[in-house]
Amino acid sequence: QVQLVESGGGLVQAGGSLRLSCAASGGTFSIYNMGWFRQAPGKEREFVAFITGSGVSTYYADSVKGRFTASRDNAKNTVYLQMNSLKPEDTAVYYCARQGRGSYYRAESYNYWGQGTQVTVSS
């Protein structure tokens, strides 16, 4: 049984930083690509970042490129999202997810999701 548990969210001022973690259990973690998504109130869930199983390749939404960095530690079965230069528009619930099949930027391509962690950026 696959479980994903996010942590590290919180309240931060604009310009600040946070690091989210997503701990995985069940399955062979290193062979799965992982994604980060976010959902703000009244909005659809949107793609944020993607990292391949090996961690060699990453992809980002244009809105976070240059500010957010995805990484992973396969020995710890954990994927991270380092978020710098945070803006109020980054406020959302952030989810990690394990990719199944399909395009990396589509939520429908992921078949396991965490419960989410709230990130709030004040101006």
C-alpha atoms as a PDB file:
ATOM      1  CA  GLN A   1       0.000   0.000   0.000  1.00  0.00           C
ATOM      2  CA  VAL A   2       1.462   3.311  -1.099  1.00  0.00           C
ATOM      3  CA  GLN A   3       1.335   6.237   1.279  1.00  0.00           C
ATOM      4  CA  LEU A   4       2.608   9.761   0.731  1.00  0.00           C
ATOM      5  CA  VAL A   5       2.858  12.182   3.633  1.00  0.00           C
ATOM      6  CA  GLU A   6       3.739  15.842   3.101  1.00  0.00           C
ATOM      7  CA  SER A   7       5.165  18.129   5.742  1.00  0.00           C
ATOM      8  CA  GLY A   8       6.895  21.482   6.029  1.00  0.00           C
ATOM      9  CA  GLY A   9       4.106  23.873   5.154  1.00  0.00           C
ATOM     10  CA  GLY A  10       3.358  26.959   7.165  1.00  0.00           C
ATOM     11  CA  LEU A  11       3.007  30.718   7.213  1.00  0.00           C
ATOM     12  CA  VAL A  12       5.832  32.793   5.755  1.00  0.00           C
ATOM     13  CA  GLN A  13       6.275  36.387   4.665  1.00  0.00           C
ATOM     14  CA  ALA A  14       6.701  37.294   1.035  1.00  0.00           C
ATOM     15  CA  GLY A  15      10.307  36.779  -0.018  1.00  0.00           C
ATOM     16  CA  GLY A  16      10.799  33.991   2.477  1.00  0.00           C
ATOM     17  CA  SER A  17      11.523  30.310   1.993  1.00  0.00           C
ATOM     18  CA  LEU A  18      10.054  26.959   2.923  1.00  0.00           C
ATOM     19  CA  ARG A  19      11.074  23.378   2.234  1.00  0.00           C
ATOM     20  CA  LEU A  20       8.360  20.803   1.791  1.00  0.00           C
ATOM     21  CA  SER A  21       8.999  17.122   2.301  1.00  0.00           C
ATOM     22  CA  CYS A  22       7.056  14.137   1.057  1.00  0.00           C
ATOM     23  CA  ALA A  23       7.790  10.801   2.691  1.00  0.00           C
ATOM     24  CA  ALA A  24       6.759   7.721   0.756  1.00  0.00           C
ATOM     25  CA  SER A  25       6.090   4.185   1.881  1.00  0.00           C
ATOM     26  CA  GLY A  26       5.108   1.108  -0.099  1.00  0.00           C
ATOM     27  CA  GLY A  27       6.611   0.184  -3.445  1.00  0.00           C
ATOM     28  CA  THR A  28      10.124   0.758  -4.744  1.00  0.00           C
ATOM     29  CA  PHE A  29      10.450   4.514  -4.401  1.00  0.00           C
ATOM     30  CA  SER A  30      13.422   5.073  -6.681  1.00  0.00           C
ATOM     31  CA  ILE A  31      11.739   3.769  -9.828  1.00  0.00           C
ATOM     32  CA  TYR A  32       8.849   6.229  -9.672  1.00  0.00           C
ATOM     33  CA  ASN A  33       8.706   9.753 -10.969  1.00  0.00           C
ATOM     34  CA  MET A  34       7.164  12.205  -8.536  1.00  0.00           C
ATOM     35  CA  GLY A  35       5.276  15.446  -8.955  1.00  0.00           C
ATOM     36  CA  TRP A  36       4.294  18.439  -6.865  1.00  0.00           C
ATOM     37  CA  PHE A  37       0.968  20.155  -7.413  1.00  0.00           C
ATOM     38  CA  ARG A  38      -0.883  22.917  -5.616  1.00  0.00           C
ATOM     39  CA  GLN A  39      -4.445  24.052  -5.243  1.00  0.00           C
ATOM     40  CA  ALA A  40      -5.539  27.482  -4.134  1.00  0.00           C
ATOM     41  CA  PRO A  41      -9.083  28.170  -2.878  1.00  0.00           C
ATOM     42  CA  GLY A  42     -11.541  28.295  -5.756  1.00  0.00           C
ATOM     43  CA  LYS A  43      -8.945  27.180  -8.289  1.00  0.00           C
ATOM     44  CA  GLU A  44      -8.088  23.934  -9.998  1.00  0.00           C
ATOM     45  CA  ARG A  45      -5.131  21.857  -8.930  1.00  0.00           C
ATOM     46  CA  GLU A  46      -2.080  22.947 -10.915  1.00  0.00           C
ATOM     47  CA  PHE A  47       1.271  21.453 -11.728  1.00  0.00           C
ATOM     48  CA  VAL A  48       4.278  22.844  -9.868  1.00  0.00           C
ATOM     49  CA  ALA A  49       7.275  20.544 -10.318  1.00  0.00           C
ATOM     50  CA  PHE A  50       8.325  17.089 -11.487  1.00  0.00           C
ATOM     51  CA  ILE A  51      11.331  14.938 -10.758  1.00  0.00           C
ATOM     52  CA  THR A  52      12.333  11.656 -12.330  1.00  0.00           C
ATOM     53  CA  GLY A  53      13.001   8.544 -10.260  1.00  0.00           C
ATOM     54  CA  SER A  54      16.745   9.006 -10.463  1.00  0.00           C
ATOM     55  CA  GLY A  55      16.477  12.707  -9.653  1.00  0.00           C
ATOM     56  CA  VAL A  56      18.484  13.590 -12.740  1.00  0.00           C
ATOM     57  CA  SER A  57      15.707  15.451 -14.542  1.00  0.00           C
ATOM     58  CA  THR A  58      13.314  18.061 -13.228  1.00  0.00           C
ATOM     59  CA  TYR A  59      10.637  20.205 -14.815  1.00  0.00           C
ATOM     60  CA  TYR A  60       8.819  23.223 -13.442  1.00  0.00           C
ATOM     61  CA  ALA A  61       5.800  25.359 -14.073  1.00  0.00           C
ATOM     62  CA  ASP A  62       6.751  28.728 -15.529  1.00  0.00           C
ATOM     63  CA  SER A  63       5.307  30.456 -12.474  1.00  0.00           C
ATOM     64  CA  VAL A  64       7.867  28.857 -10.138  1.00  0.00           C
ATOM     65  CA  LYS A  65      10.857  28.361 -12.418  1.00  0.00           C
ATOM     66  CA  GLY A  66      13.989  29.815 -10.879  1.00  0.00           C
ATOM     67  CA  ARG A  67      12.402  29.980  -7.411  1.00  0.00           C
ATOM     68  CA  PHE A  68      11.456  26.375  -6.609  1.00  0.00           C
ATOM     69  CA  THR A  69      13.691  23.319  -6.711  1.00  0.00           C
ATOM     70  CA  ALA A  70      12.596  19.696  -6.560  1.00  0.00           C
ATOM     71  CA  SER A  71      14.980  17.077  -5.232  1.00  0.00           C
ATOM     72  CA  ARG A  72      14.832  13.609  -3.734  1.00  0.00           C
ATOM     73  CA  ASP A  73      16.722  11.283  -1.443  1.00  0.00           C
ATOM     74  CA  ASN A  74      15.933   7.758  -2.528  1.00  0.00           C
ATOM     75  CA  ALA A  75      17.712   6.299   0.482  1.00  0.00           C
ATOM     76  CA  LYS A  76      15.156   8.084   2.653  1.00  0.00           C
ATOM     77  CA  ASN A  77      12.184   7.543   0.314  1.00  0.00           C
ATOM     78  CA  THR A  78      11.621  11.287   0.393  1.00  0.00           C
ATOM     79  CA  VAL A  79      11.097  13.991  -2.196  1.00  0.00           C
ATOM     80  CA  TYR A  80      11.549  17.681  -1.425  1.00  0.00           C
ATOM     81  CA  LEU A  81      10.383  21.006  -2.765  1.00  0.00           C
ATOM     82  CA  GLN A  82      12.584  23.939  -1.835  1.00  0.00           C
ATOM     83  CA  MET A  83      10.604  27.144  -2.289  1.00  0.00           C
ATOM     84  CA  ASN A  84      12.459  30.469  -2.301  1.00  0.00           C
ATOM     85  CA  SER A  85      11.362  34.040  -2.967  1.00  0.00           C
ATOM     86  CA  LEU A  86       7.827  33.119  -2.066  1.00  0.00           C
ATOM     87  CA  LYS A  87       4.979  35.329  -3.255  1.00  0.00           C
ATOM     88  CA  PRO A  88       1.422  35.715  -1.952  1.00  0.00           C
ATOM     89  CA  GLU A  89       0.185  33.994  -5.108  1.00  0.00           C
ATOM     90  CA  ASP A  90       2.062  30.864  -4.045  1.00  0.00           C
ATOM     91  CA  THR A  91      -0.470  30.431  -1.243  1.00  0.00           C
ATOM     92  CA  ALA A  92      -2.119  27.032  -1.690  1.00  0.00           C
ATOM     93  CA  VAL A  93      -2.317  23.487  -0.433  1.00  0.00           C
ATOM     94  CA  TYR A  94       0.676  21.632  -1.833  1.00  0.00           C
ATOM     95  CA  TYR A  95       0.467  17.958  -2.762  1.00  0.00           C
ATOM     96  CA  CYS A  96       3.036  15.414  -3.755  1.00  0.00           C
ATOM     97  CA  ALA A  97       2.014  12.586  -6.043  1.00  0.00           C
ATOM     98  CA  ARG A  98       3.434   9.478  -7.674  1.00  0.00           C
ATOM     99  CA  GLN A  99       3.210   9.350 -11.424  1.00  0.00           C
ATOM    100  CA  GLY A 100       1.390   6.501 -13.098  1.00  0.00           C
ATOM    101  CA  ARG A 101       1.058   6.986 -16.839  1.00  0.00           C
ATOM    102  CA  GLY A 102       0.672  10.095 -18.925  1.00  0.00           C
ATOM    103  CA  SER A 103       2.057  13.597 -19.170  1.00  0.00           C
ATOM    104  CA  TYR A 104       3.987  14.787 -16.137  1.00  0.00           C
ATOM    105  CA  TYR A 105       2.119  18.099 -15.931  1.00  0.00           C
ATOM    106  CA  ARG A 106      -1.371  16.565 -15.816  1.00  0.00           C
ATOM    107  CA  ALA A 107      -2.874  15.626 -12.454  1.00  0.00           C
ATOM    108  CA  GLU A 108      -4.678  12.731 -14.164  1.00  0.00           C
ATOM    109  CA  SER A 109      -1.294  11.087 -14.755  1.00  0.00           C
ATOM    110  CA  TYR A 110      -0.740  10.509 -11.038  1.00  0.00           C
ATOM    111  CA  ASN A 111      -2.348   7.663  -9.159  1.00  0.00           C
ATOM    112  CA  TYR A 112      -1.182   8.216  -5.582  1.00  0.00           C
ATOM    113  CA  TRP A 113      -1.500  11.478  -3.679  1.00  0.00           C
ATOM    114  CA  GLY A 114      -0.592  12.796  -0.276  1.00  0.00           C
ATOM    115  CA  GLN A 115      -3.007  14.627   1.988  1.00  0.00           C
ATOM    116  CA  GLY A 116      -1.479  18.020   1.260  1.00  0.00           C
ATOM    117  CA  THR A 117       0.234  20.675   3.337  1.00  0.00           C
ATOM    118  CA  GLN A 118      -0.862  24.306   3.569  1.00  0.00           C
ATOM    119  CA  VAL A 119       1.499  27.056   2.480  1.00  0.00           C
ATOM    120  CA  THR A 120       0.441  30.622   3.233  1.00  0.00           C
ATOM    121  CA  VAL A 121       2.507  33.588   2.077  1.00  0.00           C
ATOM    122  CA  SER A 122       1.654  36.943   3.606  1.00  0.00           C
ATOM    123  CA  SER A 123       2.336  40.239   1.861  1.00  0.00           C
END
